[in-house]
Amino acid sequence: MKTIIKLVIAALVINGCYRVGMAYWEYYEFEDAIEKAIQFSKPAVTPEQLTSEVMELAQIRGIPIDESSLSVTRAHRQVVVDASYERTVDVAPKLPRKFDFAVHVSVLMVN
């Protein structure tokens, strides 16, 4: 009986770690995609165009980001993207937890 309880607890811990890990994995993938999209964009791209591109990347990845929490600034070849979003992760059955993610990407454009 002790072994079964230990296995159930281990399964719950592993499952929770996997779910939280996947939320962070998606966050880092999103940051990386933003960086690559900006780095190799056209030289004459405007901050509004970059904003729509970041929103499209978020929609493709299922990132629940609101355009009001997104800031894109450009000064010459330097582009800075700041955004934040909240994701609820079920750490265990019937135990949701909110995680706040803050995206900050600063890129020097190649072109």
N, C-alpha and C. Protein backbone atom coordinates (compact mmCIF):
# COMPACT_ATOMS: atom_id res chain seq x y z
N MET A 1 0.83 -1.20 0.00
CA MET A 1 0.00 0.00 0.00
C MET A 1 0.87 1.26 0.00
N LYS A 2 1.96 1.25 0.77
CA LYS A 2 2.86 2.40 0.81
C LYS A 2 3.46 2.65 -0.57
N THR A 3 3.76 1.58 -1.27
CA THR A 3 4.36 1.73 -2.59
C THR A 3 3.39 2.38 -3.56
N ILE A 4 2.13 2.02 -3.49
CA ILE A 4 1.13 2.61 -4.37
C ILE A 4 0.97 4.10 -4.08
N ILE A 5 0.95 4.47 -2.82
CA ILE A 5 0.83 5.88 -2.44
C ILE A 5 2.04 6.67 -2.92
N LYS A 6 3.23 6.10 -2.76
CA LYS A 6 4.45 6.76 -3.24
C LYS A 6 4.43 6.93 -4.75
N LEU A 7 3.94 5.92 -5.47
CA LEU A 7 3.87 6.01 -6.92
C LEU A 7 2.86 7.08 -7.36
N VAL A 8 1.74 7.16 -6.67
CA VAL A 8 0.73 8.17 -7.00
C VAL A 8 1.29 9.57 -6.75
N ILE A 9 1.96 9.76 -5.65
CA ILE A 9 2.56 11.06 -5.33
C ILE A 9 3.64 11.41 -6.35
N ALA A 10 4.47 10.43 -6.71
CA ALA A 10 5.51 10.67 -7.71
C ALA A 10 4.88 11.03 -9.05
N ALA A 11 3.81 10.36 -9.43
CA ALA A 11 3.13 10.66 -10.69
C ALA A 11 2.55 12.07 -10.68
N LEU A 12 1.98 12.49 -9.55
CA LEU A 12 1.44 13.85 -9.44
C LEU A 12 2.55 14.90 -9.56
N VAL A 13 3.67 14.64 -8.92
CA VAL A 13 4.79 15.58 -8.97
C VAL A 13 5.35 15.67 -10.39
N ILE A 14 5.53 14.53 -11.02
CA ILE A 14 6.06 14.52 -12.39
C ILE A 14 5.10 15.22 -13.34
N ASN A 15 3.82 14.96 -13.20
CA ASN A 15 2.81 15.59 -14.05
C ASN A 15 2.82 17.11 -13.85
N GLY A 16 2.88 17.56 -12.62
CA GLY A 16 2.92 19.00 -12.34
C GLY A 16 4.17 19.65 -12.91
N CYS A 17 5.31 18.99 -12.76
CA CYS A 17 6.56 19.52 -13.31
C CYS A 17 6.49 19.61 -14.83
N TYR A 18 5.90 18.59 -15.45
CA TYR A 18 5.76 18.60 -16.90
C TYR A 18 4.88 19.76 -17.36
N ARG A 19 3.76 19.98 -16.71
CA ARG A 19 2.84 21.04 -17.12
C ARG A 19 3.46 22.43 -16.94
N VAL A 20 4.13 22.65 -15.82
CA VAL A 20 4.79 23.94 -15.58
C VAL A 20 5.95 24.11 -16.57
N GLY A 21 6.69 23.03 -16.78
CA GLY A 21 7.80 23.08 -17.73
C GLY A 21 7.34 23.42 -19.14
N MET A 22 6.20 22.88 -19.56
CA MET A 22 5.68 23.18 -20.89
C MET A 22 5.26 24.65 -21.00
N ALA A 23 4.73 25.22 -19.94
CA ALA A 23 4.35 26.64 -19.96
C ALA A 23 5.60 27.51 -20.14
N TYR A 24 6.68 27.17 -19.44
CA TYR A 24 7.91 27.92 -19.58
C TYR A 24 8.56 27.68 -20.94
N TRP A 25 8.47 26.45 -21.45
CA TRP A 25 9.02 26.13 -22.76
C TRP A 25 8.34 26.99 -23.83
N GLU A 26 7.02 27.12 -23.77
CA GLU A 26 6.28 27.95 -24.72
C GLU A 26 6.69 29.41 -24.60
N TYR A 27 6.94 29.87 -23.38
CA TYR A 27 7.38 31.24 -23.15
C TYR A 27 8.73 31.50 -23.82
N TYR A 28 9.68 30.59 -23.62
CA TYR A 28 11.01 30.77 -24.21
C TYR A 28 10.96 30.64 -25.74
N GLU A 29 10.14 29.75 -26.25
CA GLU A 29 9.97 29.64 -27.70
C GLU A 29 9.38 30.93 -28.28
N PHE A 30 8.44 31.51 -27.58
CA PHE A 30 7.81 32.76 -28.02
C PHE A 30 8.84 33.89 -28.05
N GLU A 31 9.64 34.01 -27.01
CA GLU A 31 10.69 35.03 -26.98
C GLU A 31 11.66 34.85 -28.14
N ASP A 32 12.06 33.60 -28.38
CA ASP A 32 13.00 33.30 -29.45
C ASP A 32 12.39 33.63 -30.82
N ALA A 33 11.13 33.30 -31.01
CA ALA A 33 10.47 33.60 -32.29
C ALA A 33 10.38 35.10 -32.52
N ILE A 34 10.11 35.86 -31.47
CA ILE A 34 10.06 37.33 -31.60
C ILE A 34 11.43 37.85 -32.01
N GLU A 35 12.46 37.36 -31.34
CA GLU A 35 13.82 37.81 -31.63
C GLU A 35 14.19 37.54 -33.09
N LYS A 36 13.91 36.34 -33.56
CA LYS A 36 14.25 35.99 -34.95
C LYS A 36 13.43 36.80 -35.94
N ALA A 37 12.15 36.99 -35.66
CA ALA A 37 11.29 37.75 -36.58
C ALA A 37 11.77 39.19 -36.71
N ILE A 38 12.20 39.78 -35.63
CA ILE A 38 12.66 41.17 -35.67
C ILE A 38 14.04 41.26 -36.30
N GLN A 39 14.90 40.35 -35.93
CA GLN A 39 16.28 40.40 -36.40
C GLN A 39 16.37 40.32 -37.93
N PHE A 40 15.49 39.55 -38.53
CA PHE A 40 15.56 39.37 -39.98
C PHE A 40 14.41 40.04 -40.72
N SER A 41 13.80 41.04 -40.12
CA SER A 41 12.73 41.77 -40.80
C SER A 41 13.33 42.82 -41.73
N LYS A 42 12.47 43.40 -42.54
CA LYS A 42 12.91 44.43 -43.49
C LYS A 42 13.38 45.67 -42.74
N PRO A 43 14.34 46.40 -43.31
CA PRO A 43 14.87 47.59 -42.63
C PRO A 43 13.84 48.69 -42.41
N ALA A 44 12.85 48.80 -43.30
CA ALA A 44 11.88 49.89 -43.20
C ALA A 44 10.63 49.51 -42.42
N VAL A 45 10.68 48.43 -41.66
CA VAL A 45 9.50 47.99 -40.91
C VAL A 45 9.19 48.97 -39.78
N THR A 46 7.91 49.22 -39.58
CA THR A 46 7.49 50.17 -38.55
C THR A 46 7.13 49.42 -37.26
N PRO A 47 7.11 50.12 -36.13
CA PRO A 47 6.71 49.48 -34.88
C PRO A 47 5.29 48.89 -34.93
N GLU A 48 4.40 49.51 -35.70
CA GLU A 48 3.04 48.98 -35.83
C GLU A 48 3.05 47.64 -36.56
N GLN A 49 3.87 47.54 -37.60
CA GLN A 49 3.99 46.27 -38.32
C GLN A 49 4.59 45.19 -37.42
N LEU A 50 5.58 45.58 -36.64
CA LEU A 50 6.19 44.62 -35.71
C LEU A 50 5.19 44.19 -34.64
N THR A 51 4.35 45.13 -34.19
CA THR A 51 3.32 44.78 -33.22
C THR A 51 2.37 43.74 -33.77
N SER A 52 1.93 43.94 -35.01
CA SER A 52 1.01 42.96 -35.60
C SER A 52 1.70 41.62 -35.82
N GLU A 53 3.00 41.64 -36.13
CA GLU A 53 3.74 40.39 -36.31
C GLU A 53 3.89 39.64 -34.98
N VAL A 54 4.15 40.38 -33.91
CA VAL A 54 4.25 39.74 -32.59
C VAL A 54 2.90 39.17 -32.17
N MET A 55 1.84 39.89 -32.43
CA MET A 55 0.50 39.39 -32.10
C MET A 55 0.18 38.12 -32.90
N GLU A 56 0.61 38.08 -34.16
CA GLU A 56 0.39 36.90 -34.98
C GLU A 56 1.19 35.71 -34.43
N LEU A 57 2.43 35.95 -34.02
CA LEU A 57 3.24 34.89 -33.41
C LEU A 57 2.59 34.36 -32.14
N ALA A 58 2.02 35.27 -31.35
CA ALA A 58 1.35 34.86 -30.12
C ALA A 58 0.12 34.02 -30.43
N GLN A 59 -0.63 34.42 -31.44
CA GLN A 59 -1.83 33.68 -31.80
C GLN A 59 -1.48 32.28 -32.32
N ILE A 60 -0.44 32.17 -33.12
CA ILE A 60 -0.01 30.87 -33.65
C ILE A 60 0.38 29.93 -32.51
N ARG A 61 1.05 30.46 -31.48
CA ARG A 61 1.53 29.64 -30.37
C ARG A 61 0.53 29.50 -29.23
N GLY A 62 -0.59 30.17 -29.33
CA GLY A 62 -1.60 30.07 -28.28
C GLY A 62 -1.23 30.84 -27.03
N ILE A 63 -0.44 31.89 -27.19
CA ILE A 63 -0.03 32.73 -26.06
C ILE A 63 -1.14 33.75 -25.82
N PRO A 64 -1.69 33.80 -24.61
CA PRO A 64 -2.81 34.72 -24.32
C PRO A 64 -2.34 36.14 -24.03
N ILE A 65 -1.86 36.81 -25.07
CA ILE A 65 -1.32 38.15 -24.88
C ILE A 65 -2.34 39.18 -25.38
N ASP A 66 -2.42 40.29 -24.67
CA ASP A 66 -3.33 41.37 -25.03
C ASP A 66 -2.51 42.48 -25.69
N GLU A 67 -3.02 43.05 -26.75
CA GLU A 67 -2.26 44.08 -27.47
C GLU A 67 -1.98 45.30 -26.59
N SER A 68 -2.82 45.54 -25.60
CA SER A 68 -2.59 46.69 -24.71
C SER A 68 -1.38 46.46 -23.80
N SER A 69 -0.99 45.21 -23.58
CA SER A 69 0.17 44.92 -22.74
C SER A 69 1.45 44.77 -23.56
N LEU A 70 1.36 45.05 -24.86
CA LEU A 70 2.49 44.89 -25.76
C LEU A 70 3.04 46.26 -26.14
N SER A 71 4.36 46.41 -26.03
CA SER A 71 5.02 47.65 -26.38
C SER A 71 6.18 47.35 -27.31
N VAL A 72 6.18 47.98 -28.48
CA VAL A 72 7.27 47.82 -29.44
C VAL A 72 7.83 49.20 -29.73
N THR A 73 9.12 49.38 -29.46
CA THR A 73 9.78 50.66 -29.74
C THR A 73 10.97 50.41 -30.64
N ARG A 74 11.24 51.39 -31.47
CA ARG A 74 12.36 51.27 -32.40
C ARG A 74 13.13 52.57 -32.44
N ALA A 75 14.44 52.47 -32.31
CA ALA A 75 15.33 53.61 -32.43
C ALA A 75 16.48 53.18 -33.34
N HIS A 76 16.44 53.67 -34.56
CA HIS A 76 17.41 53.30 -35.61
C HIS A 76 17.34 51.79 -35.86
N ARG A 77 18.37 51.06 -35.52
CA ARG A 77 18.38 49.60 -35.75
C ARG A 77 18.04 48.81 -34.49
N GLN A 78 17.83 49.47 -33.38
CA GLN A 78 17.52 48.81 -32.11
C GLN A 78 16.01 48.71 -31.93
N VAL A 79 15.51 47.50 -31.72
CA VAL A 79 14.08 47.28 -31.49
C VAL A 79 13.92 46.62 -30.12
N VAL A 80 12.99 47.15 -29.32
CA VAL A 80 12.72 46.59 -28.00
C VAL A 80 11.24 46.22 -27.93
N VAL A 81 10.99 44.97 -27.53
CA VAL A 81 9.62 44.48 -27.37
C VAL A 81 9.42 44.12 -25.91
N ASP A 82 8.40 44.69 -25.30
CA ASP A 82 8.02 44.36 -23.92
C ASP A 82 6.56 43.94 -23.91
N ALA A 83 6.29 42.85 -23.23
CA ALA A 83 4.92 42.37 -23.12
C ALA A 83 4.81 41.53 -21.87
N SER A 84 3.58 41.32 -21.44
CA SER A 84 3.35 40.44 -20.30
C SER A 84 2.03 39.71 -20.51
N TYR A 85 2.00 38.51 -19.95
CA TYR A 85 0.76 37.74 -20.01
C TYR A 85 0.72 36.79 -18.84
N GLU A 86 -0.46 36.27 -18.61
CA GLU A 86 -0.71 35.37 -17.48
C GLU A 86 -1.25 34.06 -18.03
N ARG A 87 -0.73 32.96 -17.51
CA ARG A 87 -1.20 31.65 -17.95
C ARG A 87 -1.54 30.83 -16.71
N THR A 88 -2.70 30.17 -16.75
CA THR A 88 -3.11 29.30 -15.67
C THR A 88 -2.73 27.86 -16.01
N VAL A 89 -2.01 27.23 -15.10
CA VAL A 89 -1.53 25.86 -15.30
C VAL A 89 -2.11 24.98 -14.20
N ASP A 90 -2.68 23.85 -14.58
CA ASP A 90 -3.16 22.88 -13.59
C ASP A 90 -1.96 22.10 -13.08
N VAL A 91 -1.43 22.51 -11.94
CA VAL A 91 -0.26 21.85 -11.36
C VAL A 91 -0.62 20.44 -10.91
N ALA A 92 -1.81 20.29 -10.41
CA ALA A 92 -2.35 18.99 -10.02
C ALA A 92 -3.84 19.04 -10.33
N PRO A 93 -4.49 17.89 -10.34
CA PRO A 93 -5.94 17.91 -10.59
C PRO A 93 -6.66 18.83 -9.60
N LYS A 94 -7.44 19.74 -10.14
CA LYS A 94 -8.22 20.71 -9.35
C LYS A 94 -7.34 21.65 -8.53
N LEU A 95 -6.10 21.87 -9.00
CA LEU A 95 -5.18 22.79 -8.34
C LEU A 95 -4.52 23.69 -9.38
N PRO A 96 -5.29 24.68 -9.90
CA PRO A 96 -4.71 25.58 -10.89
C PRO A 96 -3.84 26.63 -10.22
N ARG A 97 -2.83 27.06 -10.93
CA ARG A 97 -1.94 28.11 -10.43
C ARG A 97 -1.65 29.07 -11.57
N LYS A 98 -1.67 30.38 -11.27
CA LYS A 98 -1.41 31.38 -12.29
C LYS A 98 0.08 31.71 -12.31
N PHE A 99 0.61 31.77 -13.51
CA PHE A 99 2.00 32.14 -13.72
C PHE A 99 2.04 33.40 -14.57
N ASP A 100 2.84 34.37 -14.13
CA ASP A 100 3.01 35.62 -14.88
C ASP A 100 4.30 35.53 -15.68
N PHE A 101 4.19 35.87 -16.96
CA PHE A 101 5.35 35.86 -17.84
C PHE A 101 5.57 37.27 -18.37
N ALA A 102 6.80 37.73 -18.30
CA ALA A 102 7.17 39.05 -18.82
C ALA A 102 8.17 38.86 -19.95
N VAL A 103 7.77 39.26 -21.13
CA VAL A 103 8.61 39.14 -22.31
C VAL A 103 9.38 40.44 -22.50
N HIS A 104 10.69 40.31 -22.62
CA HIS A 104 11.54 41.47 -22.92
C HIS A 104 12.57 41.02 -23.95
N VAL A 105 12.44 41.58 -25.15
CA VAL A 105 13.36 41.23 -26.23
C VAL A 105 13.96 42.53 -26.76
N SER A 106 15.28 42.58 -26.77
CA SER A 106 15.99 43.72 -27.31
C SER A 106 16.88 43.21 -28.45
N VAL A 107 16.65 43.73 -29.66
CA VAL A 107 17.32 43.18 -30.84
C VAL A 107 17.96 44.29 -31.65
N LEU A 108 19.15 44.02 -32.13
CA LEU A 108 19.81 44.88 -33.09
C LEU A 108 19.58 44.27 -34.46
N MET A 109 18.83 44.97 -35.30
CA MET A 109 18.44 44.43 -36.60
C MET A 109 19.65 44.25 -37.50
N VAL A 110 19.70 43.15 -38.25
CA VAL A 110 20.81 42.84 -39.14
C VAL A 110 20.79 43.75 -40.36
N ASN A 111 19.61 43.94 -40.93
CA ASN A 111 19.50 44.73 -42.18
C ASN A 111 19.65 46.20 -41.92
